[in-house]
Amino acid sequence: MGQAWTPAQIARCLPMDFPDDKTMRISHEAIYQALFFRAATLEGDLIAGLCSSAIGTLVERTTRFTPRLDLPRLRT
């Protein structure tokens, strides 16, 4: 896919891409629910450092996976 597709676009394309596979069907509402559930399982924090530096963290509650987001320095 490689593009930013909406859940409605994905739900419309699956039957065209997989016309003989009834397991490749999903409603856009189900996609939105899955995305909401996934987002609801994350906790985020912003850590401000010296000289206007900052990083963000996201913690996935179940696995405790914690990616770090390097944020650009703020210009004052």
PDB file of N, CA and C in Angstrom:
ATOM      1  N   MET A   1       0.834  -1.175   0.000  1.00  0.00           N
ATOM      2  CA  MET A   1       0.000   0.000   0.000  1.00  0.00           C
ATOM      3  C   MET A   1       0.883   1.242   0.000  1.00  0.00           C
ATOM      4  N   GLY A   2       1.715   1.466   0.988  1.00  0.00           N
ATOM      5  CA  GLY A   2       2.682   2.547   0.953  1.00  0.00           C
ATOM      6  C   GLY A   2       2.120   3.951   0.960  1.00  0.00           C
ATOM      7  N   GLN A   3       0.822   4.094   1.099  1.00  0.00           N
ATOM      8  CA  GLN A   3       0.194   5.406   1.122  1.00  0.00           C
ATOM      9  C   GLN A   3      -0.624   5.519   2.403  1.00  0.00           C
ATOM     10  N   ALA A   4      -1.119   6.704   2.664  1.00  0.00           N
ATOM     11  CA  ALA A   4      -2.035   6.890   3.786  1.00  0.00           C
ATOM     12  C   ALA A   4      -3.448   6.656   3.266  1.00  0.00           C
ATOM     13  N   TRP A   5      -4.014   5.508   3.583  1.00  0.00           N
ATOM     14  CA  TRP A   5      -5.361   5.149   3.150  1.00  0.00           C
ATOM     15  C   TRP A   5      -6.304   5.286   4.323  1.00  0.00           C
ATOM     16  N   THR A   6      -7.517   5.690   4.061  1.00  0.00           N
ATOM     17  CA  THR A   6      -8.528   5.754   5.108  1.00  0.00           C
ATOM     18  C   THR A   6      -9.111   4.360   5.316  1.00  0.00           C
ATOM     19  N   PRO A   7      -9.691   4.100   6.482  1.00  0.00           N
ATOM     20  CA  PRO A   7     -10.351   2.808   6.687  1.00  0.00           C
ATOM     21  C   PRO A   7     -11.447   2.535   5.651  1.00  0.00           C
ATOM     22  N   ALA A   8     -12.167   3.549   5.225  1.00  0.00           N
ATOM     23  CA  ALA A   8     -13.210   3.350   4.211  1.00  0.00           C
ATOM     24  C   ALA A   8     -12.601   2.909   2.879  1.00  0.00           C
ATOM     25  N   GLN A   9     -11.476   3.491   2.495  1.00  0.00           N
ATOM     26  CA  GLN A   9     -10.809   3.090   1.252  1.00  0.00           C
ATOM     27  C   GLN A   9     -10.331   1.643   1.333  1.00  0.00           C
ATOM     28  N   ILE A  10      -9.772   1.267   2.464  1.00  0.00           N
ATOM     29  CA  ILE A  10      -9.297  -0.103   2.640  1.00  0.00           C
ATOM     30  C   ILE A  10     -10.460  -1.079   2.553  1.00  0.00           C
ATOM     31  N   ALA A  11     -11.550  -0.773   3.260  1.00  0.00           N
ATOM     32  CA  ALA A  11     -12.717  -1.658   3.250  1.00  0.00           C
ATOM     33  C   ALA A  11     -13.293  -1.801   1.846  1.00  0.00           C
ATOM     34  N   ARG A  12     -13.275  -0.743   1.039  1.00  0.00           N
ATOM     35  CA  ARG A  12     -13.785  -0.816  -0.337  1.00  0.00           C
ATOM     36  C   ARG A  12     -12.854  -1.593  -1.256  1.00  0.00           C
ATOM     37  N   CYS A  13     -11.542  -1.494  -1.053  1.00  0.00           N
ATOM     38  CA  CYS A  13     -10.577  -2.135  -1.955  1.00  0.00           C
ATOM     39  C   CYS A  13     -10.418  -3.634  -1.718  1.00  0.00           C
ATOM     40  N   LEU A  14     -10.592  -4.091  -0.496  1.00  0.00           N
ATOM     41  CA  LEU A  14     -10.366  -5.512  -0.209  1.00  0.00           C
ATOM     42  C   LEU A  14     -11.219  -6.440  -1.081  1.00  0.00           C
ATOM     43  N   PRO A  15     -12.527  -6.210  -1.238  1.00  0.00           N
ATOM     44  CA  PRO A  15     -13.305  -7.104  -2.103  1.00  0.00           C
ATOM     45  C   PRO A  15     -12.852  -7.072  -3.568  1.00  0.00           C
ATOM     46  N   MET A  16     -12.350  -5.931  -4.017  1.00  0.00           N
ATOM     47  CA  MET A  16     -11.859  -5.853  -5.396  1.00  0.00           C
ATOM     48  C   MET A  16     -10.524  -6.573  -5.555  1.00  0.00           C
ATOM     49  N   ASP A  17      -9.660  -6.450  -4.559  1.00  0.00           N
ATOM     50  CA  ASP A  17      -8.351  -7.087  -4.626  1.00  0.00           C
ATOM     51  C   ASP A  17      -8.415  -8.596  -4.373  1.00  0.00           C
ATOM     52  N   PHE A  18      -9.403  -9.035  -3.587  1.00  0.00           N
ATOM     53  CA  PHE A  18      -9.562 -10.446  -3.228  1.00  0.00           C
ATOM     54  C   PHE A  18     -11.013 -10.875  -3.469  1.00  0.00           C
ATOM     55  N   PRO A  19     -11.469 -10.898  -4.729  1.00  0.00           N
ATOM     56  CA  PRO A  19     -12.879 -11.158  -5.012  1.00  0.00           C
ATOM     57  C   PRO A  19     -13.356 -12.552  -4.606  1.00  0.00           C
ATOM     58  N   ASP A  20     -12.464 -13.535  -4.570  1.00  0.00           N
ATOM     59  CA  ASP A  20     -12.866 -14.904  -4.249  1.00  0.00           C
ATOM     60  C   ASP A  20     -12.605 -15.298  -2.801  1.00  0.00           C
ATOM     61  N   ASP A  21     -12.076 -14.392  -2.013  1.00  0.00           N
ATOM     62  CA  ASP A  21     -11.721 -14.704  -0.626  1.00  0.00           C
ATOM     63  C   ASP A  21     -12.634 -13.925   0.317  1.00  0.00           C
ATOM     64  N   LYS A  22     -13.658 -14.604   0.834  1.00  0.00           N
ATOM     65  CA  LYS A  22     -14.629 -13.946   1.723  1.00  0.00           C
ATOM     66  C   LYS A  22     -14.026 -13.590   3.084  1.00  0.00           C
ATOM     67  N   THR A  23     -12.848 -14.139   3.414  1.00  0.00           N
ATOM     68  CA  THR A  23     -12.221 -13.774   4.681  1.00  0.00           C
ATOM     69  C   THR A  23     -11.558 -12.397   4.600  1.00  0.00           C
ATOM     70  N   MET A  24     -11.402 -11.893   3.398  1.00  0.00           N
ATOM     71  CA  MET A  24     -10.763 -10.581   3.218  1.00  0.00           C
ATOM     72  C   MET A  24     -11.819  -9.488   3.113  1.00  0.00           C
ATOM     73  N   ARG A  25     -12.709  -9.456   4.099  1.00  0.00           N
ATOM     74  CA  ARG A  25     -13.758  -8.447   4.167  1.00  0.00           C
ATOM     75  C   ARG A  25     -13.744  -7.854   5.567  1.00  0.00           C
ATOM     76  N   ILE A  26     -13.856  -6.554   5.651  1.00  0.00           N
ATOM     77  CA  ILE A  26     -13.949  -5.883   6.947  1.00  0.00           C
ATOM     78  C   ILE A  26     -14.641  -4.540   6.718  1.00  0.00           C
ATOM     79  N   SER A  27     -15.392  -4.112   7.690  1.00  0.00           N
ATOM     80  CA  SER A  27     -16.057  -2.814   7.562  1.00  0.00           C
ATOM     81  C   SER A  27     -15.119  -1.703   8.023  1.00  0.00           C
ATOM     82  N   HIS A  28     -15.372  -0.511   7.534  1.00  0.00           N
ATOM     83  CA  HIS A  28     -14.534   0.606   7.980  1.00  0.00           C
ATOM     84  C   HIS A  28     -14.728   0.870   9.465  1.00  0.00           C
ATOM     85  N   GLU A  29     -15.934   0.574   9.998  1.00  0.00           N
ATOM     86  CA  GLU A  29     -16.172   0.751  11.427  1.00  0.00           C
ATOM     87  C   GLU A  29     -15.282  -0.171  12.258  1.00  0.00           C
ATOM     88  N   ALA A  30     -15.095  -1.415  11.793  1.00  0.00           N
ATOM     89  CA  ALA A  30     -14.247  -2.361  12.518  1.00  0.00           C
ATOM     90  C   ALA A  30     -12.793  -1.902  12.511  1.00  0.00           C
ATOM     91  N   ILE A  31     -12.357  -1.317  11.399  1.00  0.00           N
ATOM     92  CA  ILE A  31     -10.983  -0.797  11.331  1.00  0.00           C
ATOM     93  C   ILE A  31     -10.814   0.352  12.312  1.00  0.00           C
ATOM     94  N   TYR A  32     -11.793   1.277  12.335  1.00  0.00           N
ATOM     95  CA  TYR A  32     -11.717   2.388  13.281  1.00  0.00           C
ATOM     96  C   TYR A  32     -11.699   1.896  14.720  1.00  0.00           C
ATOM     97  N   GLN A  33     -12.517   0.881  15.029  1.00  0.00           N
ATOM     98  CA  GLN A  33     -12.529   0.346  16.393  1.00  0.00           C
ATOM     99  C   GLN A  33     -11.174  -0.254  16.758  1.00  0.00           C
ATOM    100  N   ALA A  34     -10.563  -0.980  15.822  1.00  0.00           N
ATOM    101  CA  ALA A  34      -9.247  -1.562  16.091  1.00  0.00           C
ATOM    102  C   ALA A  34      -8.204  -0.479  16.313  1.00  0.00           C
ATOM    103  N   LEU A  35      -8.265   0.584  15.514  1.00  0.00           N
ATOM    104  CA  LEU A  35      -7.317   1.690  15.698  1.00  0.00           C
ATOM    105  C   LEU A  35      -7.539   2.389  17.021  1.00  0.00           C
ATOM    106  N   PHE A  36      -8.794   2.591  17.396  1.00  0.00           N
ATOM    107  CA  PHE A  36      -9.084   3.244  18.673  1.00  0.00           C
ATOM    108  C   PHE A  36      -8.607   2.386  19.831  1.00  0.00           C
ATOM    109  N   PHE A  37      -8.866   1.079  19.762  1.00  0.00           N
ATOM    110  CA  PHE A  37      -8.433   0.187  20.831  1.00  0.00           C
ATOM    111  C   PHE A  37      -6.920   0.205  20.967  1.00  0.00           C
ATOM    112  N   ARG A  38      -6.215   0.177  19.819  1.00  0.00           N
ATOM    113  CA  ARG A  38      -4.749   0.205  19.842  1.00  0.00           C
ATOM    114  C   ARG A  38      -4.249   1.508  20.472  1.00  0.00           C
ATOM    115  N   ALA A  39      -4.878   2.634  20.097  1.00  0.00           N
ATOM    116  CA  ALA A  39      -4.449   3.920  20.660  1.00  0.00           C
ATOM    117  C   ALA A  39      -4.751   3.994  22.138  1.00  0.00           C
ATOM    118  N   ALA A  40      -5.825   3.344  22.560  1.00  0.00           N
ATOM    119  CA  ALA A  40      -6.214   3.405  23.973  1.00  0.00           C
ATOM    120  C   ALA A  40      -5.266   2.608  24.864  1.00  0.00           C
ATOM    121  N   THR A  41      -4.438   1.749  24.269  1.00  0.00           N
ATOM    122  CA  THR A  41      -3.521   0.944  25.075  1.00  0.00           C
ATOM    123  C   THR A  41      -2.145   1.593  25.202  1.00  0.00           C
ATOM    124  N   LEU A  42      -2.010   2.821  24.715  1.00  0.00           N
ATOM    125  CA  LEU A  42      -0.729   3.523  24.810  1.00  0.00           C
ATOM    126  C   LEU A  42      -0.819   4.634  25.833  1.00  0.00           C
ATOM    127  N   GLU A  43       0.300   4.855  26.533  1.00  0.00           N
ATOM    128  CA  GLU A  43       0.439   6.002  27.423  1.00  0.00           C
ATOM    129  C   GLU A  43       1.602   6.830  26.906  1.00  0.00           C
ATOM    130  N   GLY A  44       1.479   8.121  26.946  1.00  0.00           N
ATOM    131  CA  GLY A  44       2.541   8.975  26.446  1.00  0.00           C
ATOM    132  C   GLY A  44       3.014   9.986  27.468  1.00  0.00           C
ATOM    133  N   ASP A  45       4.260  10.385  27.330  1.00  0.00           N
ATOM    134  CA  ASP A  45       4.849  11.409  28.196  1.00  0.00           C
ATOM    135  C   ASP A  45       5.747  12.310  27.371  1.00  0.00           C
ATOM    136  N   LEU A  46       5.879  13.521  27.804  1.00  0.00           N
ATOM    137  CA  LEU A  46       6.804  14.485  27.217  1.00  0.00           C
ATOM    138  C   LEU A  46       7.843  14.798  28.282  1.00  0.00           C
ATOM    139  N   ILE A  47       9.110  14.675  27.914  1.00  0.00           N
ATOM    140  CA  ILE A  47      10.201  14.960  28.844  1.00  0.00           C
ATOM    141  C   ILE A  47      10.965  16.157  28.309  1.00  0.00           C
ATOM    142  N   ALA A  48      10.922  17.254  29.041  1.00  0.00           N
ATOM    143  CA  ALA A  48      11.616  18.475  28.639  1.00  0.00           C
ATOM    144  C   ALA A  48      12.987  18.499  29.310  1.00  0.00           C
ATOM    145  N   GLY A  49      14.011  18.820  28.512  1.00  0.00           N
ATOM    146  CA  GLY A  49      15.365  18.859  29.025  1.00  0.00           C
ATOM    147  C   GLY A  49      15.931  20.263  29.017  1.00  0.00           C
ATOM    148  N   LEU A  50      17.247  20.347  29.122  1.00  0.00           N
ATOM    149  CA  LEU A  50      17.931  21.629  29.117  1.00  0.00           C
ATOM    150  C   LEU A  50      17.990  22.209  27.709  1.00  0.00           C
ATOM    151  N   CYS A  51      18.155  23.505  27.614  1.00  0.00           N
ATOM    152  CA  CYS A  51      18.341  24.199  26.336  1.00  0.00           C
ATOM    153  C   CYS A  51      17.214  23.914  25.344  1.00  0.00           C
ATOM    154  N   SER A  52      15.997  23.883  25.830  1.00  0.00           N
ATOM    155  CA  SER A  52      14.798  23.670  24.994  1.00  0.00           C
ATOM    156  C   SER A  52      14.763  22.322  24.296  1.00  0.00           C
ATOM    157  N   SER A  53      15.443  21.320  24.826  1.00  0.00           N
ATOM    158  CA  SER A  53      15.390  19.985  24.239  1.00  0.00           C
ATOM    159  C   SER A  53      14.213  19.218  24.843  1.00  0.00           C
ATOM    160  N   ALA A  54      13.708  18.229  24.086  1.00  0.00           N
ATOM    161  CA  ALA A  54      12.584  17.440  24.571  1.00  0.00           C
ATOM    162  C   ALA A  54      12.535  16.111  23.826  1.00  0.00           C
ATOM    163  N   ILE A  55      12.006  15.092  24.515  1.00  0.00           N
ATOM    164  CA  ILE A  55      11.704  13.821  23.876  1.00  0.00           C
ATOM    165  C   ILE A  55      10.305  13.413  24.309  1.00  0.00           C
ATOM    166  N   GLY A  56       9.679  12.616  23.486  1.00  0.00           N
ATOM    167  CA  GLY A  56       8.390  12.034  23.833  1.00  0.00           C
ATOM    168  C   GLY A  56       8.555  10.540  23.957  1.00  0.00           C
ATOM    169  N   THR A  57       7.763   9.926  24.815  1.00  0.00           N
ATOM    170  CA  THR A  57       7.777   8.472  24.942  1.00  0.00           C
ATOM    171  C   THR A  57       6.351   7.959  24.844  1.00  0.00           C
ATOM    172  N   LEU A  58       6.199   6.777  24.289  1.00  0.00           N
ATOM    173  CA  LEU A  58       4.940   6.054  24.268  1.00  0.00           C
ATOM    174  C   LEU A  58       5.201   4.695  24.889  1.00  0.00           C
ATOM    175  N   VAL A  59       4.334   4.279  25.797  1.00  0.00           N
ATOM    176  CA  VAL A  59       4.490   2.974  26.434  1.00  0.00           C
ATOM    177  C   VAL A  59       3.265   2.135  26.095  1.00  0.00           C
ATOM    178  N   GLU A  60       3.480   0.992  25.436  1.00  0.00           N
ATOM    179  CA  GLU A  60       2.400   0.064  25.160  1.00  0.00           C
ATOM    180  C   GLU A  60       2.173  -0.714  26.437  1.00  0.00           C
ATOM    181  N   ARG A  61       0.980  -0.643  26.990  1.00  0.00           N
ATOM    182  CA  ARG A  61       0.718  -1.140  28.336  1.00  0.00           C
ATOM    183  C   ARG A  61       0.919  -2.637  28.500  1.00  0.00           C
ATOM    184  N   THR A  62       0.586  -3.418  27.497  1.00  0.00           N
ATOM    185  CA  THR A  62       0.676  -4.870  27.635  1.00  0.00           C
ATOM    186  C   THR A  62       2.109  -5.368  27.571  1.00  0.00           C
ATOM    187  N   THR A  63       2.846  -4.951  26.547  1.00  0.00           N
ATOM    188  CA  THR A  63       4.208  -5.454  26.349  1.00  0.00           C
ATOM    189  C   THR A  63       5.266  -4.567  26.982  1.00  0.00           C
ATOM    190  N   ARG A  64       4.890  -3.373  27.361  1.00  0.00           N
ATOM    191  CA  ARG A  64       5.791  -2.350  27.913  1.00  0.00           C
ATOM    192  C   ARG A  64       6.794  -1.857  26.878  1.00  0.00           C
ATOM    193  N   PHE A  65       6.533  -2.119  25.588  1.00  0.00           N
ATOM    194  CA  PHE A  65       7.373  -1.597  24.509  1.00  0.00           C
ATOM    195  C   PHE A  65       7.343  -0.078  24.583  1.00  0.00           C
ATOM    196  N   THR A  66       8.514   0.570  24.560  1.00  0.00           N
ATOM    197  CA  THR A  66       8.611   2.008  24.766  1.00  0.00           C
ATOM    198  C   THR A  66       9.481   2.662  23.693  1.00  0.00           C
ATOM    199  N   PRO A  67       8.874   3.115  22.597  1.00  0.00           N
ATOM    200  CA  PRO A  67       9.667   3.869  21.622  1.00  0.00           C
ATOM    201  C   PRO A  67       9.902   5.293  22.113  1.00  0.00           C
ATOM    202  N   ARG A  68      11.041   5.843  21.745  1.00  0.00           N
ATOM    203  CA  ARG A  68      11.377   7.227  22.114  1.00  0.00           C
ATOM    204  C   ARG A  68      11.269   8.085  20.858  1.00  0.00           C
ATOM    205  N   LEU A  69      10.690   9.251  21.009  1.00  0.00           N
ATOM    206  CA  LEU A  69      10.530  10.189  19.905  1.00  0.00           C
ATOM    207  C   LEU A  69      11.405  11.399  20.160  1.00  0.00           C
ATOM    208  N   ASP A  70      12.433  11.582  19.349  1.00  0.00           N
ATOM    209  CA  ASP A  70      13.273  12.767  19.482  1.00  0.00           C
ATOM    210  C   ASP A  70      12.522  13.951  18.882  1.00  0.00           C
ATOM    211  N   LEU A  71      12.332  14.976  19.666  1.00  0.00           N
ATOM    212  CA  LEU A  71      11.583  16.145  19.208  1.00  0.00           C
ATOM    213  C   LEU A  71      12.559  17.283  18.886  1.00  0.00           C
ATOM    214  N   PRO A  72      12.213  18.095  17.904  1.00  0.00           N
ATOM    215  CA  PRO A  72      13.110  19.218  17.567  1.00  0.00           C
ATOM    216  C   PRO A  72      13.162  20.215  18.713  1.00  0.00           C
ATOM    217  N   ARG A  73      14.293  20.900  18.816  1.00  0.00           N
ATOM    218  CA  ARG A  73      14.444  21.936  19.851  1.00  0.00           C
ATOM    219  C   ARG A  73      13.488  23.084  19.581  1.00  0.00           C
ATOM    220  N   LEU A  74      12.960  23.610  20.642  1.00  0.00           N
ATOM    221  CA  LEU A  74      12.073  24.778  20.520  1.00  0.00           C
ATOM    222  C   LEU A  74      12.894  26.030  20.386  1.00  0.00           C
ATOM    223  N   ARG A  75      12.494  26.859  19.477  1.00  0.00           N
ATOM    224  CA  ARG A  75      13.186  28.153  19.321  1.00  0.00           C
ATOM    225  C   ARG A  75      12.394  29.199  20.074  1.00  0.00           C
ATOM    226  N   THR A  76      13.085  29.935  20.923  1.00  0.00           N
ATOM    227  CA  THR A  76      12.392  30.983  21.695  1.00  0.00           C
ATOM    228  C   THR A  76      12.793  32.356  21.227  1.00  0.00           C
TER     229      THR A  76
END
